[in-house]
Amino acid sequence: MSADTRANLIFVGTHGHVRALDKHTGAEVWTTSLPGTAYSLVILLCEDGIVFAGANGKLFALHPSSGEILWRNELPGLRYGPMTLATTTAATNPLPLIVEDQRQRSD
C-alpha cells in the first residue's frame, strides 16, 4: 500500500492489479490490471508523481490520477523472482504498510 498525498489517494497492489482508493472515504477511484501478472504480488512505489508497480518480473509506471499505464519494462531474466523497488530520494515517512491478502473459502 502506498500513498500520494497530492492526489489524496492510497494505492493498493494485489493479485496483478493496482487500485487507487480515496484516502478519506475508501471509495475506489480506479483499478488497473497489469498485463501478464495475474495473481502476482504487486510491489508499489510512488515517486515524482508516478506510481511504479512491480510484479511477476515486470515493472509498470502508472499515472496516479487515472491508472493509465505510461510505460512498462519486461525486465528480461527476472520472471517470477521477488522484486524490490527503491529510489535515491530521501523518504519523509520511511515506515511501510504491508498488507497480506488472505482470502477465505465460503463453502
PDB file of N, CA and C in Angstrom:
ATOM      1  N   MET A   1       0.854  -1.156   0.000  1.00  0.00           N
ATOM      2  CA  MET A   1       0.000   0.000   0.000  1.00  0.00           C
ATOM      3  C   MET A   1       0.904   1.223   0.000  1.00  0.00           C
ATOM      4  N   SER A   2       0.533   2.222  -0.777  1.00  0.00           N
ATOM      5  CA  SER A   2       1.359   3.403  -0.922  1.00  0.00           C
ATOM      6  C   SER A   2       0.442   4.619  -1.004  1.00  0.00           C
ATOM      7  N   ALA A   3       0.899   5.785  -0.564  1.00  0.00           N
ATOM      8  CA  ALA A   3       0.050   6.973  -0.563  1.00  0.00           C
ATOM      9  C   ALA A   3       0.620   8.078  -1.436  1.00  0.00           C
ATOM     10  N   ASP A   4      -0.280   8.830  -2.079  1.00  0.00           N
ATOM     11  CA  ASP A   4       0.090  10.016  -2.850  1.00  0.00           C
ATOM     12  C   ASP A   4      -0.686  11.172  -2.241  1.00  0.00           C
ATOM     13  N   THR A   5      -0.027  11.947  -1.376  1.00  0.00           N
ATOM     14  CA  THR A   5      -0.729  12.986  -0.633  1.00  0.00           C
ATOM     15  C   THR A   5      -1.253  14.101  -1.528  1.00  0.00           C
ATOM     16  N   ARG A   6      -0.619  14.349  -2.662  1.00  0.00           N
ATOM     17  CA  ARG A   6      -1.085  15.400  -3.559  1.00  0.00           C
ATOM     18  C   ARG A   6      -2.427  15.055  -4.176  1.00  0.00           C
ATOM     19  N   ALA A   7      -2.669  13.791  -4.429  1.00  0.00           N
ATOM     20  CA  ALA A   7      -3.904  13.373  -5.077  1.00  0.00           C
ATOM     21  C   ALA A   7      -4.919  12.832  -4.065  1.00  0.00           C
ATOM     22  N   ASN A   8      -4.571  12.797  -2.775  1.00  0.00           N
ATOM     23  CA  ASN A   8      -5.444  12.241  -1.748  1.00  0.00           C
ATOM     24  C   ASN A   8      -5.854  10.817  -2.048  1.00  0.00           C
ATOM     25  N   LEU A   9      -4.904  10.045  -2.554  1.00  0.00           N
ATOM     26  CA  LEU A   9      -5.175   8.663  -2.909  1.00  0.00           C
ATOM     27  C   LEU A   9      -4.270   7.711  -2.139  1.00  0.00           C
ATOM     28  N   ILE A  10      -4.767   6.515  -1.931  1.00  0.00           N
ATOM     29  CA  ILE A  10      -3.998   5.392  -1.402  1.00  0.00           C
ATOM     30  C   ILE A  10      -3.954   4.356  -2.514  1.00  0.00           C
ATOM     31  N   PHE A  11      -2.793   3.773  -2.782  1.00  0.00           N
ATOM     32  CA  PHE A  11      -2.655   2.771  -3.835  1.00  0.00           C
ATOM     33  C   PHE A  11      -2.438   1.410  -3.203  1.00  0.00           C
ATOM     34  N   VAL A  12      -3.155   0.432  -3.711  1.00  0.00           N
ATOM     35  CA  VAL A  12      -3.096  -0.933  -3.205  1.00  0.00           C
ATOM     36  C   VAL A  12      -2.733  -1.853  -4.365  1.00  0.00           C
ATOM     37  N   GLY A  13      -1.730  -2.697  -4.185  1.00  0.00           N
ATOM     38  CA  GLY A  13      -1.343  -3.656  -5.208  1.00  0.00           C
ATOM     39  C   GLY A  13      -1.632  -5.064  -4.735  1.00  0.00           C
ATOM     40  N   THR A  14      -2.400  -5.814  -5.511  1.00  0.00           N
ATOM     41  CA  THR A  14      -2.723  -7.188  -5.152  1.00  0.00           C
ATOM     42  C   THR A  14      -3.185  -7.979  -6.358  1.00  0.00           C
ATOM     43  N   HIS A  15      -2.774  -9.223  -6.435  1.00  0.00           N
ATOM     44  CA  HIS A  15      -3.240 -10.156  -7.475  1.00  0.00           C
ATOM     45  C   HIS A  15      -3.166  -9.582  -8.885  1.00  0.00           C
ATOM     46  N   GLY A  16      -2.039  -8.940  -9.228  1.00  0.00           N
ATOM     47  CA  GLY A  16      -1.846  -8.435 -10.583  1.00  0.00           C
ATOM     48  C   GLY A  16      -2.627  -7.176 -10.914  1.00  0.00           C
ATOM     49  N   HIS A  17      -3.129  -6.476  -9.911  1.00  0.00           N
ATOM     50  CA  HIS A  17      -3.884  -5.238 -10.119  1.00  0.00           C
ATOM     51  C   HIS A  17      -3.358  -4.146  -9.196  1.00  0.00           C
ATOM     52  N   VAL A  18      -3.543  -2.906  -9.612  1.00  0.00           N
ATOM     53  CA  VAL A  18      -3.306  -1.758  -8.746  1.00  0.00           C
ATOM     54  C   VAL A  18      -4.635  -1.021  -8.633  1.00  0.00           C
ATOM     55  N   ARG A  19      -4.991  -0.682  -7.404  1.00  0.00           N
ATOM     56  CA  ARG A  19      -6.230   0.048  -7.157  1.00  0.00           C
ATOM     57  C   ARG A  19      -5.907   1.353  -6.458  1.00  0.00           C
ATOM     58  N   ALA A  20      -6.598   2.416  -6.852  1.00  0.00           N
ATOM     59  CA  ALA A  20      -6.482   3.706  -6.169  1.00  0.00           C
ATOM     60  C   ALA A  20      -7.757   3.910  -5.367  1.00  0.00           C
ATOM     61  N   LEU A  21      -7.584   4.243  -4.092  1.00  0.00           N
ATOM     62  CA  LEU A  21      -8.709   4.493  -3.209  1.00  0.00           C
ATOM     63  C   LEU A  21      -8.634   5.914  -2.669  1.00  0.00           C
ATOM     64  N   ASP A  22      -9.780   6.545  -2.505  1.00  0.00           N
ATOM     65  CA  ASP A  22      -9.842   7.853  -1.858  1.00  0.00           C
ATOM     66  C   ASP A  22      -9.428   7.657  -0.407  1.00  0.00           C
ATOM     67  N   LYS A  23      -8.416   8.377   0.042  1.00  0.00           N
ATOM     68  CA  LYS A  23      -7.894   8.133   1.390  1.00  0.00           C
ATOM     69  C   LYS A  23      -8.813   8.626   2.498  1.00  0.00           C
ATOM     70  N   HIS A  24      -9.829   9.414   2.153  1.00  0.00           N
ATOM     71  CA  HIS A  24     -10.768   9.895   3.165  1.00  0.00           C
ATOM     72  C   HIS A  24     -12.010   9.019   3.272  1.00  0.00           C
ATOM     73  N   THR A  25     -12.433   8.433   2.155  1.00  0.00           N
ATOM     74  CA  THR A  25     -13.666   7.648   2.147  1.00  0.00           C
ATOM     75  C   THR A  25     -13.452   6.162   1.911  1.00  0.00           C
ATOM     76  N   GLY A  26     -12.304   5.790   1.337  1.00  0.00           N
ATOM     77  CA  GLY A  26     -12.052   4.398   0.988  1.00  0.00           C
ATOM     78  C   GLY A  26     -12.699   3.981  -0.319  1.00  0.00           C
ATOM     79  N   ALA A  27     -13.384   4.905  -0.986  1.00  0.00           N
ATOM     80  CA  ALA A  27     -14.035   4.585  -2.261  1.00  0.00           C
ATOM     81  C   ALA A  27     -12.987   4.335  -3.341  1.00  0.00           C
ATOM     82  N   GLU A  28     -13.243   3.327  -4.180  1.00  0.00           N
ATOM     83  CA  GLU A  28     -12.324   3.028  -5.273  1.00  0.00           C
ATOM     84  C   GLU A  28     -12.441   4.093  -6.354  1.00  0.00           C
ATOM     85  N   VAL A  29     -11.294   4.638  -6.779  1.00  0.00           N
ATOM     86  CA  VAL A  29     -11.235   5.670  -7.816  1.00  0.00           C
ATOM     87  C   VAL A  29     -10.955   5.033  -9.176  1.00  0.00           C
ATOM     88  N   TRP A  30     -10.007   4.091  -9.208  1.00  0.00           N
ATOM     89  CA  TRP A  30      -9.710   3.350 -10.437  1.00  0.00           C
ATOM     90  C   TRP A  30      -9.038   2.035 -10.096  1.00  0.00           C
ATOM     91  N   THR A  31      -9.081   1.113 -11.074  1.00  0.00           N
ATOM     92  CA  THR A  31      -8.371  -0.164 -10.997  1.00  0.00           C
ATOM     93  C   THR A  31      -7.667  -0.386 -12.318  1.00  0.00           C
ATOM     94  N   THR A  32      -6.414  -0.809 -12.262  1.00  0.00           N
ATOM     95  CA  THR A  32      -5.661  -1.141 -13.470  1.00  0.00           C
ATOM     96  C   THR A  32      -5.136  -2.561 -13.345  1.00  0.00           C
ATOM     97  N   SER A  33      -5.404  -3.361 -14.365  1.00  0.00           N
ATOM     98  CA  SER A  33      -4.862  -4.705 -14.446  1.00  0.00           C
ATOM     99  C   SER A  33      -3.488  -4.626 -15.090  1.00  0.00           C
ATOM    100  N   LEU A  34      -2.506  -5.279 -14.487  1.00  0.00           N
ATOM    101  CA  LEU A  34      -1.144  -5.283 -15.011  1.00  0.00           C
ATOM    102  C   LEU A  34      -0.980  -6.515 -15.903  1.00  0.00           C
ATOM    103  N   PRO A  35      -0.904  -6.345 -17.225  1.00  0.00           N
ATOM    104  CA  PRO A  35      -0.840  -7.478 -18.152  1.00  0.00           C
ATOM    105  C   PRO A  35       0.291  -8.455 -17.825  1.00  0.00           C
ATOM    106  N   GLY A  36      -0.044  -9.738 -17.826  1.00  0.00           N
ATOM    107  CA  GLY A  36       0.952 -10.772 -17.604  1.00  0.00           C
ATOM    108  C   GLY A  36       1.338 -10.982 -16.159  1.00  0.00           C
ATOM    109  N   THR A  37       0.538 -10.450 -15.221  1.00  0.00           N
ATOM    110  CA  THR A  37       0.895 -10.569 -13.806  1.00  0.00           C
ATOM    111  C   THR A  37      -0.229 -11.146 -12.956  1.00  0.00           C
ATOM    112  N   ALA A  38      -1.163 -11.837 -13.551  1.00  0.00           N
ATOM    113  CA  ALA A  38      -2.328 -12.349 -12.821  1.00  0.00           C
ATOM    114  C   ALA A  38      -1.921 -13.081 -11.547  1.00  0.00           C
ATOM    115  N   TYR A  39      -2.603 -12.795 -10.488  1.00  0.00           N
ATOM    116  CA  TYR A  39      -2.422 -13.413  -9.174  1.00  0.00           C
ATOM    117  C   TYR A  39      -1.050 -13.173  -8.565  1.00  0.00           C
ATOM    118  N   SER A  40      -0.301 -12.209  -9.064  1.00  0.00           N
ATOM    119  CA  SER A  40       1.030 -11.917  -8.532  1.00  0.00           C
ATOM    120  C   SER A  40       0.968 -10.858  -7.437  1.00  0.00           C
ATOM    121  N   LEU A  41       1.898 -10.956  -6.506  1.00  0.00           N
ATOM    122  CA  LEU A  41       2.104  -9.906  -5.522  1.00  0.00           C
ATOM    123  C   LEU A  41       2.576  -8.664  -6.261  1.00  0.00           C
ATOM    124  N   VAL A  42       2.032  -7.509  -5.942  1.00  0.00           N
ATOM    125  CA  VAL A  42       2.401  -6.252  -6.600  1.00  0.00           C
ATOM    126  C   VAL A  42       3.095  -5.354  -5.578  1.00  0.00           C
ATOM    127  N   ILE A  43       4.319  -4.933  -5.897  1.00  0.00           N
ATOM    128  CA  ILE A  43       5.090  -4.025  -5.050  1.00  0.00           C
ATOM    129  C   ILE A  43       4.934  -2.624  -5.625  1.00  0.00           C
ATOM    130  N   LEU A  44       4.657  -1.639  -4.775  1.00  0.00           N
ATOM    131  CA  LEU A  44       4.396  -0.268  -5.234  1.00  0.00           C
ATOM    132  C   LEU A  44       5.413   0.721  -4.684  1.00  0.00           C
ATOM    133  N   LEU A  45       5.648   1.764  -5.480  1.00  0.00           N
ATOM    134  CA  LEU A  45       6.488   2.891  -5.084  1.00  0.00           C
ATOM    135  C   LEU A  45       5.924   4.131  -5.764  1.00  0.00           C
ATOM    136  N   CYS A  46       5.725   5.201  -5.008  1.00  0.00           N
ATOM    137  CA  CYS A  46       5.303   6.489  -5.588  1.00  0.00           C
ATOM    138  C   CYS A  46       6.505   7.421  -5.584  1.00  0.00           C
ATOM    139  N   GLU A  47       6.816   7.969  -6.748  1.00  0.00           N
ATOM    140  CA  GLU A  47       7.988   8.835  -6.888  1.00  0.00           C
ATOM    141  C   GLU A  47       7.749   9.814  -8.017  1.00  0.00           C
ATOM    142  N   ASP A  48       8.003  11.102  -7.778  1.00  0.00           N
ATOM    143  CA  ASP A  48       7.899  12.147  -8.805  1.00  0.00           C
ATOM    144  C   ASP A  48       6.559  12.136  -9.534  1.00  0.00           C
ATOM    145  N   GLY A  49       5.471  11.893  -8.804  1.00  0.00           N
ATOM    146  CA  GLY A  49       4.147  11.937  -9.400  1.00  0.00           C
ATOM    147  C   GLY A  49       3.798  10.736 -10.255  1.00  0.00           C
ATOM    148  N   ILE A  50       4.538   9.646 -10.104  1.00  0.00           N
ATOM    149  CA  ILE A  50       4.266   8.415 -10.861  1.00  0.00           C
ATOM    150  C   ILE A  50       4.147   7.267  -9.862  1.00  0.00           C
ATOM    151  N   VAL A  51       3.225   6.351 -10.131  1.00  0.00           N
ATOM    152  CA  VAL A  51       3.093   5.139  -9.322  1.00  0.00           C
ATOM    153  C   VAL A  51       3.823   4.029 -10.069  1.00  0.00           C
ATOM    154  N   PHE A  52       4.844   3.457  -9.447  1.00  0.00           N
ATOM    155  CA  PHE A  52       5.588   2.350 -10.046  1.00  0.00           C
ATOM    156  C   PHE A  52       5.084   1.058  -9.420  1.00  0.00           C
ATOM    157  N   ALA A  53       4.794   0.077 -10.266  1.00  0.00           N
ATOM    158  CA  ALA A  53       4.274  -1.207  -9.801  1.00  0.00           C
ATOM    159  C   ALA A  53       5.135  -2.321 -10.376  1.00  0.00           C
ATOM    160  N   GLY A  54       5.670  -3.148  -9.503  1.00  0.00           N
ATOM    161  CA  GLY A  54       6.477  -4.282  -9.929  1.00  0.00           C
ATOM    162  C   GLY A  54       5.778  -5.582  -9.596  1.00  0.00           C
ATOM    163  N   ALA A  55       5.689  -6.489 -10.577  1.00  0.00           N
ATOM    164  CA  ALA A  55       5.042  -7.785 -10.349  1.00  0.00           C
ATOM    165  C   ALA A  55       5.472  -8.776 -11.416  1.00  0.00           C
ATOM    166  N   ASN A  56       5.721 -10.006 -11.002  1.00  0.00           N
ATOM    167  CA  ASN A  56       5.967 -11.113 -11.925  1.00  0.00           C
ATOM    168  C   ASN A  56       7.063 -10.802 -12.945  1.00  0.00           C
ATOM    169  N   GLY A  57       8.119 -10.130 -12.500  1.00  0.00           N
ATOM    170  CA  GLY A  57       9.230  -9.825 -13.382  1.00  0.00           C
ATOM    171  C   GLY A  57       8.969  -8.686 -14.346  1.00  0.00           C
ATOM    172  N   LYS A  58       7.981  -7.862 -14.063  1.00  0.00           N
ATOM    173  CA  LYS A  58       7.653  -6.723 -14.929  1.00  0.00           C
ATOM    174  C   LYS A  58       7.556  -5.460 -14.075  1.00  0.00           C
ATOM    175  N   LEU A  59       7.925  -4.325 -14.661  1.00  0.00           N
ATOM    176  CA  LEU A  59       7.816  -3.045 -13.977  1.00  0.00           C
ATOM    177  C   LEU A  59       6.924  -2.134 -14.806  1.00  0.00           C
ATOM    178  N   PHE A  60       5.948  -1.493 -14.150  1.00  0.00           N
ATOM    179  CA  PHE A  60       4.992  -0.603 -14.809  1.00  0.00           C
ATOM    180  C   PHE A  60       5.061   0.776 -14.165  1.00  0.00           C
ATOM    181  N   ALA A  61       4.862   1.814 -14.978  1.00  0.00           N
ATOM    182  CA  ALA A  61       4.704   3.176 -14.481  1.00  0.00           C
ATOM    183  C   ALA A  61       3.259   3.575 -14.768  1.00  0.00           C
ATOM    184  N   LEU A  62       2.542   4.019 -13.721  1.00  0.00           N
ATOM    185  CA  LEU A  62       1.126   4.362 -13.842  1.00  0.00           C
ATOM    186  C   LEU A  62       0.896   5.834 -13.522  1.00  0.00           C
ATOM    187  N   HIS A  63      -0.061   6.428 -14.220  1.00  0.00           N
ATOM    188  CA  HIS A  63      -0.472   7.791 -13.907  1.00  0.00           C
ATOM    189  C   HIS A  63      -1.332   7.719 -12.645  1.00  0.00           C
ATOM    190  N   PRO A  64      -1.010   8.499 -11.596  1.00  0.00           N
ATOM    191  CA  PRO A  64      -1.720   8.363 -10.326  1.00  0.00           C
ATOM    192  C   PRO A  64      -3.197   8.758 -10.365  1.00  0.00           C
ATOM    193  N   SER A  65      -3.576   9.650 -11.246  1.00  0.00           N
ATOM    194  CA  SER A  65      -4.972  10.094 -11.284  1.00  0.00           C
ATOM    195  C   SER A  65      -5.884   9.172 -12.069  1.00  0.00           C
ATOM    196  N   SER A  66      -5.320   8.471 -13.067  1.00  0.00           N
ATOM    197  CA  SER A  66      -6.160   7.661 -13.957  1.00  0.00           C
ATOM    198  C   SER A  66      -5.841   6.171 -13.938  1.00  0.00           C
ATOM    199  N   GLY A  67      -4.642   5.810 -13.502  1.00  0.00           N
ATOM    200  CA  GLY A  67      -4.221   4.416 -13.560  1.00  0.00           C
ATOM    201  C   GLY A  67      -3.700   4.011 -14.930  1.00  0.00           C
ATOM    202  N   GLU A  68      -3.642   4.951 -15.862  1.00  0.00           N
ATOM    203  CA  GLU A  68      -3.130   4.664 -17.208  1.00  0.00           C
ATOM    204  C   GLU A  68      -1.692   4.162 -17.124  1.00  0.00           C
ATOM    205  N   ILE A  69      -1.403   3.082 -17.864  1.00  0.00           N
ATOM    206  CA  ILE A  69      -0.031   2.573 -17.923  1.00  0.00           C
ATOM    207  C   ILE A  69       0.769   3.491 -18.848  1.00  0.00           C
ATOM    208  N   LEU A  70       1.752   4.174 -18.275  1.00  0.00           N
ATOM    209  CA  LEU A  70       2.582   5.109 -19.036  1.00  0.00           C
ATOM    210  C   LEU A  70       3.686   4.379 -19.791  1.00  0.00           C
ATOM    211  N   TRP A  71       4.284   3.386 -19.162  1.00  0.00           N
ATOM    212  CA  TRP A  71       5.286   2.530 -19.801  1.00  0.00           C
ATOM    213  C   TRP A  71       5.423   1.258 -19.003  1.00  0.00           C
ATOM    214  N   ARG A  72       6.076   0.259 -19.621  1.00  0.00           N
ATOM    215  CA  ARG A  72       6.358  -0.990 -18.943  1.00  0.00           C
ATOM    216  C   ARG A  72       7.703  -1.532 -19.391  1.00  0.00           C
ATOM    217  N   ASN A  73       8.334  -2.301 -18.514  1.00  0.00           N
ATOM    218  CA  ASN A  73       9.609  -2.933 -18.816  1.00  0.00           C
ATOM    219  C   ASN A  73       9.484  -4.396 -18.390  1.00  0.00           C
ATOM    220  N   GLU A  74       9.753  -5.292 -19.315  1.00  0.00           N
ATOM    221  CA  GLU A  74       9.610  -6.731 -19.044  1.00  0.00           C
ATOM    222  C   GLU A  74      10.707  -7.295 -18.140  1.00  0.00           C
ATOM    223  N   LEU A  75      11.779  -6.551 -17.894  1.00  0.00           N
ATOM    224  CA  LEU A  75      12.897  -6.988 -17.052  1.00  0.00           C
ATOM    225  C   LEU A  75      13.309  -8.419 -17.384  1.00  0.00           C
ATOM    226  N   PRO A  76      13.858  -8.617 -18.589  1.00  0.00           N
ATOM    227  CA  PRO A  76      14.222  -9.969 -19.047  1.00  0.00           C
ATOM    228  C   PRO A  76      15.078 -10.719 -18.027  1.00  0.00           C
ATOM    229  N   GLY A  77      14.750 -11.979 -17.848  1.00  0.00           N
ATOM    230  CA  GLY A  77      15.509 -12.836 -16.955  1.00  0.00           C
ATOM    231  C   GLY A  77      15.001 -12.863 -15.524  1.00  0.00           C
ATOM    232  N   LEU A  78      14.182 -11.911 -15.113  1.00  0.00           N
ATOM    233  CA  LEU A  78      13.715 -11.884 -13.727  1.00  0.00           C
ATOM    234  C   LEU A  78      12.560 -12.856 -13.508  1.00  0.00           C
ATOM    235  N   ARG A  79      11.589 -12.818 -14.362  1.00  0.00           N
ATOM    236  CA  ARG A  79      10.389 -13.673 -14.304  1.00  0.00           C
ATOM    237  C   ARG A  79       9.753 -13.686 -12.919  1.00  0.00           C
ATOM    238  N   TYR A  80       9.727 -14.838 -12.255  1.00  0.00           N
ATOM    239  CA  TYR A  80       8.929 -14.993 -11.046  1.00  0.00           C
ATOM    240  C   TYR A  80       9.656 -14.684  -9.750  1.00  0.00           C
ATOM    241  N   GLY A  81      10.851 -14.166  -9.815  1.00  0.00           N
ATOM    242  CA  GLY A  81      11.596 -13.873  -8.603  1.00  0.00           C
ATOM    243  C   GLY A  81      11.017 -12.698  -7.837  1.00  0.00           C
ATOM    244  N   PRO A  82      11.360 -12.594  -6.565  1.00  0.00           N
ATOM    245  CA  PRO A  82      10.883 -11.459  -5.769  1.00  0.00           C
ATOM    246  C   PRO A  82      11.458 -10.149  -6.298  1.00  0.00           C
ATOM    247  N   MET A  83      10.727  -9.067  -6.084  1.00  0.00           N
ATOM    248  CA  MET A  83      11.123  -7.767  -6.605  1.00  0.00           C
ATOM    249  C   MET A  83      11.102  -6.733  -5.480  1.00  0.00           C
ATOM    250  N   THR A  84      12.059  -5.833  -5.510  1.00  0.00           N
ATOM    251  CA  THR A  84      12.115  -4.717  -4.581  1.00  0.00           C
ATOM    252  C   THR A  84      12.259  -3.446  -5.392  1.00  0.00           C
ATOM    253  N   LEU A  85      11.540  -2.401  -5.017  1.00  0.00           N
ATOM    254  CA  LEU A  85      11.657  -1.106  -5.685  1.00  0.00           C
ATOM    255  C   LEU A  85      12.300  -0.124  -4.720  1.00  0.00           C
ATOM    256  N   ALA A  86      13.162   0.748  -5.225  1.00  0.00           N
ATOM    257  CA  ALA A  86      13.848   1.718  -4.379  1.00  0.00           C
ATOM    258  C   ALA A  86      14.053   3.001  -5.161  1.00  0.00           C
ATOM    259  N   THR A  87      14.359   4.060  -4.442  1.00  0.00           N
ATOM    260  CA  THR A  87      14.624   5.359  -5.038  1.00  0.00           C
ATOM    261  C   THR A  87      15.797   5.998  -4.297  1.00  0.00           C
ATOM    262  N   THR A  88      16.416   6.981  -4.910  1.00  0.00           N
ATOM    263  CA  THR A  88      17.502   7.693  -4.237  1.00  0.00           C
ATOM    264  C   THR A  88      16.991   8.899  -3.461  1.00  0.00           C
ATOM    265  N   THR A  89      15.700   9.197  -3.568  1.00  0.00           N
ATOM    266  CA  THR A  89      15.100  10.314  -2.846  1.00  0.00           C
ATOM    267  C   THR A  89      14.907   9.937  -1.379  1.00  0.00           C
ATOM    268  N   ALA A  90      15.200  10.862  -0.484  1.00  0.00           N
ATOM    269  CA  ALA A  90      15.009  10.615   0.942  1.00  0.00           C
ATOM    270  C   ALA A  90      13.523  10.482   1.252  1.00  0.00           C
ATOM    271  N   ALA A  91      13.174   9.499   2.066  1.00  0.00           N
ATOM    272  CA  ALA A  91      11.781   9.261   2.436  1.00  0.00           C
ATOM    273  C   ALA A  91      11.373  10.194   3.567  1.00  0.00           C
ATOM    274  N   THR A  92      10.167  10.772   3.462  1.00  0.00           N
ATOM    275  CA  THR A  92       9.641  11.588   4.548  1.00  0.00           C
ATOM    276  C   THR A  92       8.890  10.730   5.553  1.00  0.00           C
ATOM    277  N   ASN A  93       8.432   9.556   5.121  1.00  0.00           N
ATOM    278  CA  ASN A  93       7.764   8.607   6.001  1.00  0.00           C
ATOM    279  C   ASN A  93       8.327   7.226   5.690  1.00  0.00           C
ATOM    280  N   PRO A  94       9.417   6.839   6.339  1.00  0.00           N
ATOM    281  CA  PRO A  94      10.101   5.607   5.955  1.00  0.00           C
ATOM    282  C   PRO A  94       9.419   4.323   6.399  1.00  0.00           C
ATOM    283  N   LEU A  95       8.300   4.391   7.125  1.00  0.00           N
ATOM    284  CA  LEU A  95       7.654   3.184   7.609  1.00  0.00           C
ATOM    285  C   LEU A  95       6.643   2.670   6.585  1.00  0.00           C
ATOM    286  N   PRO A  96       6.888   1.492   6.009  1.00  0.00           N
ATOM    287  CA  PRO A  96       5.945   0.942   5.036  1.00  0.00           C
ATOM    288  C   PRO A  96       4.760   0.293   5.731  1.00  0.00           C
ATOM    289  N   LEU A  97       3.645   0.226   5.025  1.00  0.00           N
ATOM    290  CA  LEU A  97       2.488  -0.508   5.494  1.00  0.00           C
ATOM    291  C   LEU A  97       2.338  -1.708   4.578  1.00  0.00           C
ATOM    292  N   ILE A  98       2.453  -2.889   5.143  1.00  0.00           N
ATOM    293  CA  ILE A  98       2.361  -4.112   4.354  1.00  0.00           C
ATOM    294  C   ILE A  98       1.085  -4.833   4.750  1.00  0.00           C
ATOM    295  N   VAL A  99       0.266  -5.135   3.760  1.00  0.00           N
ATOM    296  CA  VAL A  99      -0.990  -5.821   4.000  1.00  0.00           C
ATOM    297  C   VAL A  99      -0.947  -7.149   3.270  1.00  0.00           C
ATOM    298  N   GLU A 100      -1.177  -8.234   3.994  1.00  0.00           N
ATOM    299  CA  GLU A 100      -1.205  -9.555   3.365  1.00  0.00           C
ATOM    300  C   GLU A 100      -2.657  -9.912   3.109  1.00  0.00           C
ATOM    301  N   ASP A 101      -2.968 -10.205   1.859  1.00  0.00           N
ATOM    302  CA  ASP A 101      -4.326 -10.543   1.457  1.00  0.00           C
ATOM    303  C   ASP A 101      -4.543 -12.037   1.628  1.00  0.00           C
ATOM    304  N   GLN A 102      -5.412 -12.406   2.538  1.00  0.00           N
ATOM    305  CA  GLN A 102      -5.731 -13.815   2.736  1.00  0.00           C
ATOM    306  C   GLN A 102      -7.215 -13.997   2.501  1.00  0.00           C
ATOM    307  N   ARG A 103      -7.551 -14.720   1.460  1.00  0.00           N
ATOM    308  CA  ARG A 103      -8.946 -14.964   1.142  1.00  0.00           C
ATOM    309  C   ARG A 103      -9.409 -16.226   1.853  1.00  0.00           C
ATOM    310  N   GLN A 104     -10.647 -16.185   2.313  1.00  0.00           N
ATOM    311  CA  GLN A 104     -11.218 -17.339   2.982  1.00  0.00           C
ATOM    312  C   GLN A 104     -12.248 -17.980   2.088  1.00  0.00           C
ATOM    313  N   ARG A 105     -12.304 -19.296   2.172  1.00  0.00           N
ATOM    314  CA  ARG A 105     -13.299 -20.031   1.398  1.00  0.00           C
ATOM    315  C   ARG A 105     -14.624 -19.991   2.131  1.00  0.00           C
ATOM    316  N   SER A 106     -15.683 -19.848   1.381  1.00  0.00           N
ATOM    317  CA  SER A 106     -17.014 -19.954   1.968  1.00  0.00           C
ATOM    318  C   SER A 106     -17.699 -21.138   1.297  1.00  0.00           C
ATOM    319  N   ASP A 107     -17.848 -22.195   2.039  1.00  0.00           N
ATOM    320  CA  ASP A 107     -18.446 -23.420   1.494  1.00  0.00           C
ATOM    321  C   ASP A 107     -19.932 -23.461   1.733  1.00  0.00           C
TER     322      ASP A 107
END
